[in-house]
Amino acid sequence: MRVIRILHAAALFVATRLRRRRSCKSGTGLYVANPAHTMNTASLCCLLTLLLAIPAAAAEGDGISWSIISYVWASDNKVDLKADGTPIGGDTVSFNDLIDITDTSFQIFVEGGRSDGNWSAFVDVAYLEMSDKFSAGPVLIKTDSEWWFIDAAIAYWPNGEAGGFNLFGGMRFTSLDDRFKFSVPALGVPLGTLKNDRSFTDLLLGGRYRFDFNESWALHTRADYAFGDSEGILQVEALVRYAIGKNRKYAVLIGYRYKEAEFEDGGLEEDFEFKGPIAGFNFRF
C-alpha cells in the first residue's frame, strides 16, 4: 500500500507542475478545469433527486417489501497511475494490507418495492476512511483518504420480483479525497501538503438475474456499466444466498465481485481493479 501512496504523491506532484506550466504558457496564470467535470454539480443534484425519489417509487401502492444487506467486500486492489499520459507505476494492495490502514468502513445495500409490482428502487453505499504514515529517507509522509462509492437506481421487473430478472438504471457517484502531508521530523520542518479531491457522477445501466434452486438456495447475479464523468466503470458479481429463519426472511450471502474503473482528472490518470470475495447478511420485511 505504501508503494501506491508514494507513487500517487509523485503522480499528483508531476500533474500539478504540468498544470502550472500550461497555465503560465497560456498567459492567464489560471488553470482551467477539465470540462468533463464541470457537470459534477448538476449531475450530483440529479443523484440526490434520485435518492429522494427512491422511497416514493418503493411506496407506490400497497404491500411494500424491503431488503437490507450489510456486507463486507474483501477485495484486492490494483492501481496503475499516469501523469499526463506518462506511466508513473502501480501496485496491488491485498485485503489484509488494506485492513491495517483502515479507520472506518461500511457497506450497505437497501432496496424497496411493491411485493406484487414491477418496480423497485435501490441504493448501494460503500464508505472507506484510511490513514497511514511512513518515511522516505528523512521525510515523513502522512496520508489521509476518504472514499465514497454510491449507486442509486430504479429497477424494472418484467415478470415481477418472482420472475428473478430485472433491468435497472440510475446514477453512480464516486468520491476520492486524498491528502499527503510531508515533513522532516528531525528538523521539525513541515514541507507542505498535497491534496487530490475528485468526484465523478456517471449514468448507471445494468441488469440482475436470480436463479432459485429451492426455497433455501438461490444464485444472485449482477452486471452493470457506468459512464459520464469517469472513463468507464464495469462491475460484475455473483452471490449464493442461503435463506434461514421463519418464512425465509433472513439470509447469508457469499460470493465474488469484480470491478474496474478508470478516472482522469487534471492530468492524473488512475486505473483501478477491485476483485475478491464478498459476504453479507440479508433481512427482509
Protein backbone atom coordinates (compact mmCIF):
# COMPACT_ATOMS: atom_id res chain seq x y z
CA MET A 1 0.00 0.00 0.00
CA ARG A 2 2.84 2.40 0.77
CA VAL A 3 4.29 1.91 -2.70
CA ILE A 4 1.00 3.13 -4.17
CA ARG A 5 0.90 6.06 -1.75
CA ILE A 6 4.39 7.19 -2.80
CA LEU A 7 3.58 6.73 -6.49
CA HIS A 8 0.28 8.55 -6.06
CA ALA A 9 2.00 11.52 -4.40
CA ALA A 10 4.62 11.58 -7.18
CA ALA A 11 1.96 11.45 -9.89
CA LEU A 12 -0.01 14.22 -8.20
CA PHE A 13 3.13 16.35 -7.90
CA VAL A 14 4.03 15.87 -11.58
CA ALA A 15 0.47 16.57 -12.72
CA THR A 16 0.35 19.73 -10.61
CA ARG A 17 3.62 21.03 -12.04
CA LEU A 18 2.45 20.34 -15.59
CA ARG A 19 -0.81 22.17 -14.97
CA ARG A 20 1.06 25.19 -13.67
CA ARG A 21 3.42 25.12 -16.64
CA ARG A 22 0.50 25.06 -19.07
CA SER A 23 -1.15 27.93 -17.19
CA CYS A 24 2.00 30.06 -17.42
CA LYS A 25 2.32 29.36 -21.14
CA SER A 26 -1.28 30.41 -21.71
CA GLY A 27 -0.53 33.72 -20.05
CA THR A 28 -3.61 33.51 -17.82
CA GLY A 29 -1.91 32.27 -14.69
CA LEU A 30 -5.01 30.21 -14.08
CA TYR A 31 -5.69 26.52 -14.50
CA VAL A 32 -8.89 25.72 -16.37
CA ALA A 33 -10.61 22.59 -15.05
CA ASN A 34 -11.32 19.64 -17.29
CA PRO A 35 -14.70 20.41 -18.96
CA ALA A 36 -15.78 16.82 -18.44
CA HIS A 37 -16.05 17.53 -14.71
CA THR A 38 -17.98 20.80 -14.86
CA MET A 39 -21.13 18.67 -14.89
CA ASN A 40 -20.47 17.37 -11.36
CA THR A 41 -22.73 19.88 -9.60
CA ALA A 42 -25.67 19.29 -11.93
CA SER A 43 -25.21 15.52 -12.01
CA LEU A 44 -24.88 15.37 -8.22
CA CYS A 45 -28.21 17.21 -7.97
CA CYS A 46 -29.67 14.53 -10.25
CA LEU A 47 -28.26 11.84 -7.93
CA LEU A 48 -29.79 13.48 -4.86
CA THR A 49 -33.12 13.80 -6.67
CA LEU A 50 -32.99 10.08 -7.49
CA LEU A 51 -32.21 9.23 -3.87
CA LEU A 52 -35.21 11.24 -2.74
CA ALA A 53 -37.37 9.51 -5.35
CA ILE A 54 -36.47 6.01 -4.17
CA PRO A 55 -38.88 5.95 -1.19
CA ALA A 56 -41.68 7.31 -3.39
CA ALA A 57 -41.03 4.68 -6.08
CA ALA A 58 -40.96 1.94 -3.48
CA ALA A 59 -44.06 3.19 -1.70
CA GLU A 60 -46.32 3.35 -4.75
CA GLY A 61 -49.19 1.06 -3.98
CA ASP A 62 -49.66 -1.36 -1.08
CA GLY A 63 -47.65 -4.31 0.16
CA ILE A 64 -44.20 -2.69 0.29
CA SER A 65 -41.26 -5.05 0.77
CA TRP A 66 -37.79 -4.00 1.90
CA SER A 67 -34.47 -5.81 1.59
CA ILE A 68 -31.38 -4.69 3.52
CA ILE A 69 -27.93 -6.21 3.12
CA SER A 70 -24.95 -5.37 5.30
CA TYR A 71 -21.84 -6.77 3.66
CA VAL A 72 -18.05 -6.88 3.56
CA TRP A 73 -16.10 -6.97 0.31
CA ALA A 74 -12.64 -8.45 0.92
CA SER A 75 -11.13 -7.09 -2.28
CA ASP A 76 -7.56 -6.91 -3.51
CA ASN A 77 -6.93 -3.54 -5.17
CA LYS A 78 -4.71 -2.95 -8.17
CA VAL A 79 -3.84 0.62 -9.16
CA ASP A 80 -1.98 1.97 -12.20
CA LEU A 81 -1.08 5.68 -12.31
CA LYS A 82 -0.19 8.10 -15.10
CA ALA A 83 0.59 11.81 -15.09
CA ASP A 84 -0.32 13.48 -18.38
CA GLY A 85 -0.01 10.15 -20.17
CA THR A 86 3.36 9.28 -18.63
CA PRO A 87 3.28 5.99 -16.65
CA ILE A 88 4.26 6.52 -13.01
CA GLY A 89 3.83 2.96 -11.84
CA GLY A 90 1.38 0.75 -10.00
CA ASP A 91 0.96 -1.88 -7.34
CA THR A 92 -1.51 -4.36 -5.85
CA VAL A 93 -2.85 -3.99 -2.32
CA SER A 94 -4.11 -7.11 -0.56
CA PHE A 95 -7.18 -7.05 1.67
CA ASN A 96 -5.02 -7.72 4.74
CA ASP A 97 -2.86 -4.69 3.95
CA LEU A 98 -5.98 -2.59 3.45
CA ILE A 99 -7.31 -3.59 6.88
CA ASP A 100 -4.11 -2.32 8.54
CA ILE A 101 -4.68 1.26 7.36
CA THR A 102 -8.50 1.39 7.50
CA ASP A 103 -10.00 3.58 10.22
CA THR A 104 -13.69 3.38 9.26
CA SER A 105 -15.57 1.31 6.71
CA PHE A 106 -19.11 0.23 6.00
CA GLN A 107 -21.11 -1.19 3.09
CA ILE A 108 -24.89 -1.40 2.91
CA PHE A 109 -27.48 -2.17 0.23
CA VAL A 110 -31.14 -1.17 0.61
CA GLU A 111 -33.94 -1.96 -1.85
CA GLY A 112 -37.69 -1.38 -1.67
CA GLY A 113 -40.66 -2.12 -3.89
CA ARG A 114 -44.19 -3.46 -4.07
CA SER A 115 -44.46 -7.16 -3.33
CA ASP A 116 -46.68 -7.73 -6.36
CA GLY A 117 -45.37 -4.90 -8.53
CA ASN A 118 -42.91 -4.49 -11.38
CA TRP A 119 -40.82 -1.66 -9.97
CA SER A 120 -38.27 -1.30 -7.19
CA ALA A 121 -35.54 1.13 -6.24
CA PHE A 122 -32.22 0.58 -4.51
CA VAL A 123 -29.19 2.35 -3.13
CA ASP A 124 -25.78 0.72 -2.58
CA VAL A 125 -23.36 2.67 -0.37
CA ALA A 126 -19.73 1.91 0.45
CA TYR A 127 -17.52 4.18 2.58
CA LEU A 128 -13.82 3.84 3.35
CA GLU A 129 -11.64 6.08 5.54
CA MET A 130 -7.91 5.33 5.64
CA SER A 131 -4.78 6.81 7.22
CA ASP A 132 -1.13 5.85 7.26
CA LYS A 133 2.33 7.28 7.84
CA PHE A 134 5.74 6.17 6.66
CA SER A 135 9.21 7.53 5.98
CA ALA A 136 11.06 8.08 2.72
CA GLY A 137 14.56 8.86 3.88
CA PRO A 138 14.40 11.82 6.28
CA VAL A 139 10.92 12.79 5.03
CA LEU A 140 7.82 11.65 6.92
CA ILE A 141 4.69 11.22 4.80
CA LYS A 142 1.26 11.16 6.43
CA THR A 143 -1.72 10.16 4.30
CA ASP A 144 -5.44 10.52 4.88
CA SER A 145 -8.09 9.27 2.46
CA GLU A 146 -11.88 9.30 2.38
CA TRP A 147 -13.63 7.36 -0.39
CA TRP A 148 -17.35 7.14 -1.18
CA PHE A 149 -18.99 4.78 -3.69
CA ILE A 150 -22.76 5.27 -4.13
CA ASP A 151 -25.13 3.59 -6.58
CA ALA A 152 -28.77 4.69 -6.77
CA ALA A 153 -31.13 3.18 -9.33
CA ILE A 154 -34.68 2.22 -10.23
CA ALA A 155 -35.27 -1.36 -11.42
CA TYR A 156 -37.96 -2.79 -13.68
CA TRP A 157 -39.03 -6.43 -13.22
CA PRO A 158 -40.89 -7.60 -16.40
CA ASN A 159 -42.36 -10.64 -14.67
CA GLY A 160 -42.42 -9.25 -11.15
CA GLU A 161 -39.97 -10.00 -8.36
CA ALA A 162 -40.84 -13.69 -8.56
CA GLY A 163 -39.52 -13.77 -12.14
CA GLY A 164 -36.00 -13.08 -10.90
CA PHE A 165 -34.94 -10.80 -13.78
CA ASN A 166 -34.72 -7.02 -13.80
CA LEU A 167 -33.10 -4.15 -15.65
CA PHE A 168 -32.05 -1.03 -13.78
CA GLY A 169 -30.84 2.49 -14.48
CA GLY A 170 -29.65 5.32 -12.27
CA MET A 171 -26.53 7.16 -11.16
CA ARG A 172 -23.15 6.08 -9.79
CA PHE A 173 -21.26 8.60 -7.64
CA THR A 174 -17.57 8.14 -6.78
CA SER A 175 -15.68 10.50 -4.47
CA LEU A 176 -11.93 10.03 -3.88
CA ASP A 177 -10.33 12.51 -1.44
CA ASP A 178 -6.64 12.07 -0.61
CA ARG A 179 -4.22 14.15 1.49
CA PHE A 180 -0.43 13.85 1.62
CA LYS A 181 1.45 15.75 4.35
CA PHE A 182 5.25 15.98 4.13
CA SER A 183 7.63 16.92 6.94
CA VAL A 184 11.17 16.42 8.26
CA PRO A 185 10.69 15.36 11.90
CA ALA A 186 14.41 15.62 12.77
CA LEU A 187 14.35 19.32 11.95
CA GLY A 188 10.75 19.96 12.89
CA VAL A 189 10.14 21.38 9.42
CA PRO A 190 6.81 20.94 7.58
CA LEU A 191 7.29 20.66 3.82
CA GLY A 192 3.69 21.13 2.75
CA THR A 193 0.55 19.25 1.77
CA LEU A 194 -0.69 17.81 -1.49
CA LYS A 195 -4.45 17.43 -1.90
CA ASN A 196 -6.29 15.44 -4.50
CA ASP A 197 -10.07 15.75 -4.20
CA ARG A 198 -12.04 14.47 -7.16
CA SER A 199 -15.58 13.23 -7.70
CA PHE A 200 -17.29 11.56 -10.63
CA THR A 201 -21.01 11.15 -11.34
CA ASP A 202 -21.95 8.61 -14.01
CA LEU A 203 -25.02 7.19 -15.67
CA LEU A 204 -25.52 3.63 -14.43
CA LEU A 205 -27.12 0.85 -16.52
CA GLY A 206 -27.29 -2.83 -15.70
CA GLY A 207 -29.24 -5.99 -15.09
CA ARG A 208 -29.72 -8.68 -12.44
CA TYR A 209 -30.94 -12.25 -12.50
CA ARG A 210 -31.80 -14.62 -9.66
CA PHE A 211 -31.67 -18.39 -10.09
CA ASP A 212 -33.87 -20.08 -7.47
CA PHE A 213 -32.72 -23.65 -6.77
CA ASN A 214 -35.22 -24.30 -3.96
CA GLU A 215 -36.78 -22.45 -1.02
CA SER A 216 -33.42 -22.03 0.71
CA TRP A 217 -30.83 -21.72 -2.01
CA ALA A 218 -30.52 -19.14 -4.81
CA LEU A 219 -27.85 -17.57 -7.01
CA HIS A 220 -27.92 -13.78 -7.45
CA THR A 221 -26.05 -12.28 -10.41
CA ARG A 222 -25.49 -8.67 -11.42
CA ALA A 223 -23.65 -6.84 -14.20
CA ASP A 224 -23.54 -3.09 -14.84
CA TYR A 225 -21.61 -0.33 -16.54
CA ALA A 226 -21.34 3.36 -15.69
CA PHE A 227 -20.09 6.22 -17.85
CA GLY A 228 -20.05 10.02 -17.78
CA ASP A 229 -17.56 11.91 -15.65
CA SER A 230 -15.35 8.82 -15.37
CA GLU A 231 -13.73 6.98 -18.25
CA GLY A 232 -15.95 3.98 -17.51
CA ILE A 233 -16.73 1.67 -14.57
CA LEU A 234 -17.57 -2.02 -15.04
CA GLN A 235 -18.87 -4.23 -12.25
CA VAL A 236 -19.99 -7.87 -12.14
CA GLU A 237 -20.86 -10.09 -9.21
CA ALA A 238 -22.36 -13.45 -8.29
CA LEU A 239 -23.71 -14.32 -4.83
CA VAL A 240 -25.01 -17.55 -3.37
CA ARG A 241 -27.91 -16.91 -0.99
CA TYR A 242 -28.94 -19.30 1.77
CA ALA A 243 -32.24 -18.35 3.40
CA ILE A 244 -32.80 -19.06 7.10
CA GLY A 245 -35.35 -18.29 9.81
CA LYS A 246 -39.12 -18.24 9.84
CA ASN A 247 -40.61 -17.53 6.40
CA ARG A 248 -37.05 -17.36 4.98
CA LYS A 249 -36.83 -13.63 5.80
CA TYR A 250 -33.13 -13.80 6.65
CA ALA A 251 -30.24 -14.99 4.53
CA VAL A 252 -26.49 -15.39 4.39
CA LEU A 253 -24.79 -14.26 1.17
CA ILE A 254 -21.38 -15.37 -0.08
CA GLY A 255 -19.90 -14.71 -3.49
CA TYR A 256 -17.44 -12.78 -5.62
CA ARG A 257 -17.34 -9.26 -7.07
CA TYR A 258 -15.14 -7.75 -9.76
CA LYS A 259 -14.92 -4.04 -10.54
CA GLU A 260 -12.67 -1.99 -12.80
CA ALA A 261 -12.70 1.78 -13.06
CA GLU A 262 -10.76 4.43 -14.95
CA PHE A 263 -10.63 8.04 -13.78
CA GLU A 264 -8.91 11.08 -15.23
CA ASP A 265 -8.71 14.47 -13.53
CA GLY A 266 -6.32 17.32 -14.28
CA GLY A 267 -3.70 15.16 -15.99
CA LEU A 268 -3.75 12.45 -13.29
CA GLU A 269 -5.00 9.11 -14.67
CA GLU A 270 -5.94 6.29 -12.32
CA ASP A 271 -6.88 2.75 -13.33
CA PHE A 272 -8.38 0.71 -10.51
CA GLU A 273 -9.14 -3.00 -10.37
CA PHE A 274 -11.03 -4.37 -7.37
CA LYS A 275 -11.71 -8.09 -7.02
CA GLY A 276 -12.37 -10.52 -4.23
CA PRO A 277 -14.92 -12.45 -2.16
CA ILE A 278 -17.96 -10.76 -0.69
CA ALA A 279 -20.06 -11.85 2.28
CA GLY A 280 -23.12 -10.34 3.89
CA PHE A 281 -26.31 -10.79 5.87
CA ASN A 282 -29.71 -10.02 4.36
CA PHE A 283 -33.01 -9.42 6.12
CA ARG A 284 -36.38 -8.62 4.58
CA PHE A 285 -39.54 -7.14 5.93
